[in-house]
Amino acid sequence: TALRPFTPFLTSMLDHLHHMTASQVRRLFLLLFAVGGDDEGGGDGVRGGATGSMGGAVTDIVIRKHLALAPFAKKRIGIIGTVAYAVSRSSPLQEQQKIIDDENEMAETEATCLAGSAAVAS
């Protein structure tokens, strides 16, 4: 994909998951799975058969590590990563997520426009 040149940057972002919101963690995992998800074909589980690609080895280790940690805040990152993997492998859910993202963008644009018009009016 077009994001492949940014793979090292995306990988380095995995070191900062505990500073991110749940939405940011989800988006990062989805990006990582999109960048490396289809390199080597099929597979099973969180590994996805993409060993050595962004969708596989590094992300798999991070997800499994966080699932094994005791604090719920850390486990939550692993759960979000696991769900992101499932979403990345499900095309109907990808289409639904795209619709949700488009709706969120429209809502943000409307809020910005409303804030701008309120500032102009005062």
N, C-alpha and C. Protein backbone atom coordinates (compact mmCIF):
# COMPACT_ATOMS: atom_id res chain seq x y z
N THR A 1 0.83 -1.19 0.00
CA THR A 1 0.00 0.00 0.00
C THR A 1 0.87 1.25 0.00
N ALA A 2 0.24 2.39 -0.05
CA ALA A 2 0.96 3.66 -0.08
C ALA A 2 1.65 3.95 1.25
N LEU A 3 1.26 3.28 2.31
CA LEU A 3 1.85 3.52 3.62
C LEU A 3 3.12 2.71 3.88
N ARG A 4 3.45 1.82 2.98
CA ARG A 4 4.60 0.94 3.20
C ARG A 4 5.90 1.69 3.52
N PRO A 5 6.19 2.85 2.91
CA PRO A 5 7.42 3.57 3.29
C PRO A 5 7.42 4.04 4.75
N PHE A 6 6.25 4.13 5.35
CA PHE A 6 6.15 4.61 6.73
C PHE A 6 6.13 3.47 7.74
N THR A 7 6.41 2.26 7.31
CA THR A 7 6.38 1.10 8.18
C THR A 7 7.26 1.26 9.42
N PRO A 8 8.50 1.74 9.30
CA PRO A 8 9.32 1.91 10.52
C PRO A 8 8.70 2.89 11.52
N PHE A 9 8.11 3.95 11.02
CA PHE A 9 7.45 4.91 11.91
C PHE A 9 6.26 4.27 12.62
N LEU A 10 5.44 3.55 11.86
CA LEU A 10 4.28 2.89 12.46
C LEU A 10 4.71 1.88 13.51
N THR A 11 5.78 1.15 13.22
CA THR A 11 6.29 0.17 14.18
C THR A 11 6.76 0.86 15.46
N SER A 12 7.43 1.99 15.30
CA SER A 12 7.92 2.70 16.49
C SER A 12 6.78 3.22 17.35
N MET A 13 5.62 3.45 16.74
CA MET A 13 4.46 3.92 17.50
C MET A 13 3.97 2.86 18.50
N LEU A 14 4.30 1.60 18.27
CA LEU A 14 3.89 0.54 19.19
C LEU A 14 4.52 0.74 20.58
N ASP A 15 5.63 1.45 20.66
CA ASP A 15 6.27 1.70 21.95
C ASP A 15 5.51 2.73 22.78
N HIS A 16 4.56 3.41 22.17
CA HIS A 16 3.86 4.50 22.85
C HIS A 16 2.37 4.24 23.01
N LEU A 17 1.96 2.98 22.96
CA LEU A 17 0.55 2.64 23.04
C LEU A 17 -0.10 3.11 24.34
N HIS A 18 0.65 3.08 25.43
CA HIS A 18 0.06 3.44 26.73
C HIS A 18 -0.25 4.93 26.83
N HIS A 19 0.26 5.75 25.90
CA HIS A 19 -0.04 7.18 25.89
C HIS A 19 -1.21 7.51 24.97
N MET A 20 -1.73 6.54 24.26
CA MET A 20 -2.77 6.77 23.25
C MET A 20 -4.15 6.48 23.80
N THR A 21 -5.15 7.11 23.18
CA THR A 21 -6.53 6.80 23.51
C THR A 21 -6.89 5.46 22.85
N ALA A 22 -8.01 4.90 23.27
CA ALA A 22 -8.45 3.62 22.69
C ALA A 22 -8.66 3.75 21.19
N SER A 23 -9.21 4.86 20.74
CA SER A 23 -9.44 5.08 19.32
C SER A 23 -8.13 5.15 18.54
N GLN A 24 -7.13 5.81 19.11
CA GLN A 24 -5.83 5.91 18.45
C GLN A 24 -5.15 4.55 18.38
N VAL A 25 -5.26 3.76 19.45
CA VAL A 25 -4.68 2.40 19.46
C VAL A 25 -5.34 1.56 18.38
N ARG A 26 -6.66 1.63 18.30
CA ARG A 26 -7.39 0.86 17.29
C ARG A 26 -6.94 1.24 15.88
N ARG A 27 -6.85 2.53 15.63
CA ARG A 27 -6.45 3.00 14.29
C ARG A 27 -5.02 2.58 13.96
N LEU A 28 -4.13 2.62 14.95
CA LEU A 28 -2.76 2.20 14.71
C LEU A 28 -2.71 0.72 14.33
N PHE A 29 -3.41 -0.12 15.10
CA PHE A 29 -3.42 -1.55 14.78
C PHE A 29 -4.03 -1.79 13.39
N LEU A 30 -5.11 -1.09 13.07
CA LEU A 30 -5.72 -1.26 11.75
C LEU A 30 -4.74 -0.85 10.65
N LEU A 31 -3.99 0.23 10.86
CA LEU A 31 -2.99 0.64 9.88
C LEU A 31 -1.90 -0.42 9.72
N LEU A 32 -1.43 -0.94 10.85
CA LEU A 32 -0.38 -1.95 10.80
C LEU A 32 -0.85 -3.21 10.06
N PHE A 33 -2.08 -3.63 10.33
CA PHE A 33 -2.60 -4.81 9.63
C PHE A 33 -2.82 -4.52 8.15
N ALA A 34 -3.20 -3.29 7.81
CA ALA A 34 -3.41 -2.94 6.40
C ALA A 34 -2.08 -2.89 5.65
N VAL A 35 -1.04 -2.41 6.29
CA VAL A 35 0.26 -2.29 5.63
C VAL A 35 0.86 -3.66 5.34
N GLY A 36 0.72 -4.59 6.28
CA GLY A 36 1.39 -5.87 6.09
C GLY A 36 0.49 -7.07 6.05
N GLY A 37 -0.79 -6.86 5.95
CA GLY A 37 -1.73 -7.95 6.09
C GLY A 37 -1.76 -8.97 4.98
N ASP A 38 -1.46 -8.60 3.73
CA ASP A 38 -1.66 -9.52 2.62
C ASP A 38 -0.36 -10.02 2.00
N ASP A 39 0.76 -9.88 2.71
CA ASP A 39 2.05 -10.24 2.11
C ASP A 39 2.21 -11.72 1.80
N GLU A 40 1.80 -12.60 2.74
CA GLU A 40 2.13 -14.00 2.58
C GLU A 40 0.94 -14.93 2.62
N GLY A 41 -0.22 -14.41 2.32
CA GLY A 41 -1.38 -15.30 2.23
C GLY A 41 -2.05 -15.57 3.55
N GLY A 42 -2.65 -16.76 3.65
CA GLY A 42 -3.49 -17.11 4.77
C GLY A 42 -2.75 -17.40 6.04
N GLY A 43 -3.50 -17.84 7.04
CA GLY A 43 -2.94 -18.15 8.33
C GLY A 43 -4.07 -18.32 9.31
N ASP A 44 -3.70 -18.43 10.59
CA ASP A 44 -4.75 -18.56 11.58
C ASP A 44 -4.39 -17.76 12.81
N GLY A 45 -5.41 -17.42 13.58
CA GLY A 45 -5.21 -16.70 14.82
C GLY A 45 -4.71 -15.29 14.58
N VAL A 46 -4.14 -14.70 15.62
CA VAL A 46 -3.66 -13.33 15.55
C VAL A 46 -2.43 -13.24 14.66
N ARG A 47 -1.70 -14.33 14.50
CA ARG A 47 -0.49 -14.30 13.67
C ARG A 47 -0.80 -13.98 12.22
N GLY A 48 -1.89 -14.47 11.70
CA GLY A 48 -2.34 -14.12 10.37
C GLY A 48 -1.47 -14.64 9.25
N GLY A 49 -0.48 -15.46 9.54
CA GLY A 49 0.34 -16.03 8.49
C GLY A 49 1.23 -15.02 7.81
N ALA A 50 1.33 -13.82 8.36
CA ALA A 50 2.14 -12.78 7.73
C ALA A 50 3.41 -12.57 8.52
N THR A 51 4.11 -13.63 8.82
CA THR A 51 5.32 -13.56 9.60
C THR A 51 6.34 -12.67 8.91
N GLY A 52 6.89 -11.73 9.68
CA GLY A 52 7.86 -10.81 9.13
C GLY A 52 7.25 -9.56 8.55
N SER A 53 5.95 -9.53 8.37
CA SER A 53 5.31 -8.33 7.85
C SER A 53 4.66 -7.59 9.01
N MET A 54 4.25 -6.38 8.76
CA MET A 54 3.67 -5.57 9.82
C MET A 54 2.44 -6.20 10.42
N GLY A 55 1.67 -6.91 9.63
CA GLY A 55 0.45 -7.51 10.14
C GLY A 55 0.71 -8.73 10.99
N GLY A 56 1.95 -9.16 11.09
CA GLY A 56 2.23 -10.41 11.77
C GLY A 56 3.12 -10.32 12.97
N ALA A 57 4.39 -10.56 12.80
CA ALA A 57 5.32 -10.83 13.89
C ALA A 57 5.36 -9.75 14.96
N VAL A 58 5.68 -8.53 14.61
CA VAL A 58 5.84 -7.48 15.61
C VAL A 58 4.52 -7.19 16.30
N THR A 59 3.48 -7.04 15.54
CA THR A 59 2.18 -6.72 16.10
C THR A 59 1.66 -7.89 16.94
N ASP A 60 1.90 -9.09 16.49
CA ASP A 60 1.50 -10.28 17.24
C ASP A 60 2.15 -10.30 18.61
N ILE A 61 3.43 -10.00 18.67
CA ILE A 61 4.15 -10.00 19.94
C ILE A 61 3.58 -8.94 20.87
N VAL A 62 3.34 -7.75 20.35
CA VAL A 62 2.81 -6.65 21.17
C VAL A 62 1.43 -7.00 21.71
N ILE A 63 0.57 -7.55 20.86
CA ILE A 63 -0.78 -7.91 21.29
C ILE A 63 -0.73 -8.99 22.36
N ARG A 64 0.03 -10.03 22.12
CA ARG A 64 0.11 -11.12 23.10
C ARG A 64 0.73 -10.66 24.41
N LYS A 65 1.73 -9.78 24.35
CA LYS A 65 2.35 -9.26 25.57
C LYS A 65 1.32 -8.50 26.40
N HIS A 66 0.54 -7.64 25.74
CA HIS A 66 -0.43 -6.85 26.48
C HIS A 66 -1.58 -7.71 27.02
N LEU A 67 -1.95 -8.76 26.31
CA LEU A 67 -2.99 -9.65 26.82
C LEU A 67 -2.53 -10.40 28.06
N ALA A 68 -1.23 -10.65 28.17
CA ALA A 68 -0.69 -11.41 29.29
C ALA A 68 -0.44 -10.56 30.54
N LEU A 69 -0.43 -9.24 30.39
CA LEU A 69 -0.16 -8.36 31.53
C LEU A 69 -1.37 -8.28 32.46
N ALA A 70 -1.10 -8.07 33.74
CA ALA A 70 -2.16 -8.06 34.75
C ALA A 70 -3.04 -6.81 34.74
N PRO A 71 -2.46 -5.61 34.69
CA PRO A 71 -3.33 -4.41 34.76
C PRO A 71 -4.31 -4.35 33.60
N PHE A 72 -5.56 -3.99 33.92
CA PHE A 72 -6.58 -3.97 32.89
C PHE A 72 -6.27 -2.97 31.78
N ALA A 73 -5.64 -1.85 32.13
CA ALA A 73 -5.31 -0.85 31.11
C ALA A 73 -4.39 -1.44 30.05
N LYS A 74 -3.49 -2.32 30.47
CA LYS A 74 -2.58 -2.97 29.52
C LYS A 74 -3.32 -4.06 28.73
N LYS A 75 -4.16 -4.81 29.43
CA LYS A 75 -4.93 -5.87 28.76
C LYS A 75 -5.86 -5.27 27.70
N ARG A 76 -6.38 -4.08 28.00
CA ARG A 76 -7.29 -3.40 27.07
C ARG A 76 -6.61 -3.18 25.72
N ILE A 77 -5.32 -2.84 25.73
CA ILE A 77 -4.58 -2.64 24.49
C ILE A 77 -4.53 -3.94 23.70
N GLY A 78 -4.29 -5.06 24.38
CA GLY A 78 -4.28 -6.36 23.72
C GLY A 78 -5.64 -6.72 23.14
N ILE A 79 -6.69 -6.40 23.89
CA ILE A 79 -8.05 -6.69 23.41
C ILE A 79 -8.36 -5.85 22.18
N ILE A 80 -8.01 -4.57 22.23
CA ILE A 80 -8.24 -3.68 21.09
C ILE A 80 -7.48 -4.20 19.87
N GLY A 81 -6.23 -4.65 20.06
CA GLY A 81 -5.44 -5.18 18.95
C GLY A 81 -6.05 -6.43 18.36
N THR A 82 -6.55 -7.30 19.22
CA THR A 82 -7.17 -8.54 18.75
C THR A 82 -8.44 -8.24 17.95
N VAL A 83 -9.25 -7.33 18.45
CA VAL A 83 -10.47 -6.95 17.73
C VAL A 83 -10.11 -6.27 16.42
N ALA A 84 -9.07 -5.43 16.43
CA ALA A 84 -8.64 -4.76 15.19
C ALA A 84 -8.19 -5.79 14.16
N TYR A 85 -7.54 -6.85 14.62
CA TYR A 85 -7.14 -7.91 13.70
C TYR A 85 -8.37 -8.55 13.05
N ALA A 86 -9.37 -8.86 13.90
CA ALA A 86 -10.59 -9.48 13.37
C ALA A 86 -11.29 -8.55 12.37
N VAL A 87 -11.32 -7.27 12.70
CA VAL A 87 -11.95 -6.30 11.80
C VAL A 87 -11.17 -6.21 10.50
N SER A 88 -9.85 -6.23 10.59
CA SER A 88 -9.03 -6.09 9.38
C SER A 88 -9.19 -7.28 8.44
N ARG A 89 -9.62 -8.41 8.96
CA ARG A 89 -9.80 -9.60 8.14
C ARG A 89 -11.23 -9.79 7.68
N SER A 90 -12.10 -8.88 8.04
CA SER A 90 -13.52 -9.01 7.70
C SER A 90 -13.91 -7.86 6.79
N SER A 91 -14.11 -8.13 5.51
CA SER A 91 -14.42 -7.06 4.57
C SER A 91 -15.76 -6.37 4.85
N PRO A 92 -16.84 -7.08 5.22
CA PRO A 92 -18.07 -6.35 5.53
C PRO A 92 -17.88 -5.38 6.70
N LEU A 93 -17.09 -5.78 7.69
CA LEU A 93 -16.84 -4.89 8.81
C LEU A 93 -15.98 -3.71 8.39
N GLN A 94 -15.05 -3.92 7.45
CA GLN A 94 -14.24 -2.82 6.96
C GLN A 94 -15.11 -1.78 6.27
N GLU A 95 -16.07 -2.25 5.49
CA GLU A 95 -16.98 -1.34 4.81
C GLU A 95 -17.82 -0.57 5.83
N GLN A 96 -18.27 -1.27 6.88
CA GLN A 96 -19.05 -0.62 7.92
C GLN A 96 -18.19 0.41 8.66
N GLN A 97 -16.93 0.08 8.94
CA GLN A 97 -16.03 1.01 9.62
C GLN A 97 -15.78 2.24 8.76
N LYS A 98 -15.65 2.05 7.45
CA LYS A 98 -15.45 3.18 6.55
C LYS A 98 -16.64 4.12 6.61
N ILE A 99 -17.84 3.56 6.68
CA ILE A 99 -19.05 4.38 6.79
C ILE A 99 -19.04 5.15 8.11
N ILE A 100 -18.68 4.48 9.20
CA ILE A 100 -18.63 5.13 10.51
C ILE A 100 -17.59 6.25 10.50
N ASP A 101 -16.41 5.99 9.92
CA ASP A 101 -15.37 7.01 9.85
C ASP A 101 -15.82 8.20 9.02
N ASP A 102 -16.52 7.94 7.91
CA ASP A 102 -17.03 9.03 7.09
C ASP A 102 -18.05 9.87 7.86
N GLU A 103 -18.91 9.19 8.63
CA GLU A 103 -19.89 9.91 9.44
C GLU A 103 -19.21 10.76 10.50
N ASN A 104 -18.15 10.20 11.12
CA ASN A 104 -17.40 10.96 12.13
C ASN A 104 -16.74 12.19 11.52
N GLU A 105 -16.17 12.04 10.32
CA GLU A 105 -15.56 13.17 9.65
C GLU A 105 -16.59 14.25 9.34
N MET A 106 -17.77 13.83 8.89
CA MET A 106 -18.83 14.80 8.60
C MET A 106 -19.25 15.53 9.86
N ALA A 107 -19.36 14.81 10.98
CA ALA A 107 -19.75 15.43 12.24
C ALA A 107 -18.69 16.43 12.70
N GLU A 108 -17.40 16.07 12.54
CA GLU A 108 -16.32 16.98 12.92
C GLU A 108 -16.33 18.22 12.03
N THR A 109 -16.59 18.03 10.75
CA THR A 109 -16.64 19.17 9.82
C THR A 109 -17.80 20.09 10.19
N GLU A 110 -18.96 19.50 10.50
CA GLU A 110 -20.11 20.31 10.90
C GLU A 110 -19.81 21.08 12.18
N ALA A 111 -19.16 20.43 13.15
CA ALA A 111 -18.83 21.10 14.41
C ALA A 111 -17.86 22.25 14.16
N THR A 112 -16.90 22.05 13.28
CA THR A 112 -15.94 23.10 12.96
C THR A 112 -16.65 24.26 12.28
N CYS A 113 -17.53 23.95 11.34
CA CYS A 113 -18.28 24.99 10.64
C CYS A 113 -19.17 25.76 11.59
N LEU A 114 -19.85 25.05 12.50
CA LEU A 114 -20.72 25.71 13.46
C LEU A 114 -19.92 26.59 14.41
N ALA A 115 -18.76 26.11 14.85
CA ALA A 115 -17.90 26.91 15.72
C ALA A 115 -17.39 28.15 14.99
N GLY A 116 -17.04 27.99 13.74
CA GLY A 116 -16.56 29.12 12.94
C GLY A 116 -17.65 30.14 12.70
N SER A 117 -18.87 29.69 12.40
CA SER A 117 -19.97 30.63 12.17
C SER A 117 -20.39 31.31 13.46
N ALA A 118 -20.27 30.64 14.60
CA ALA A 118 -20.58 31.24 15.89
C ALA A 118 -19.58 32.33 16.22
N ALA A 119 -18.31 32.10 15.89
CA ALA A 119 -17.26 33.08 16.14
C ALA A 119 -17.46 34.31 15.26
N VAL A 120 -17.89 34.11 14.02
CA VAL A 120 -18.13 35.21 13.10
C VAL A 120 -19.33 36.03 13.55
N ALA A 121 -20.37 35.35 14.07
CA ALA A 121 -21.59 36.01 14.48
C ALA A 121 -21.37 36.89 15.71
N SER A 122 -20.39 36.55 16.56
CA SER A 122 -20.19 37.33 17.77
C SER A 122 -19.20 38.44 17.62
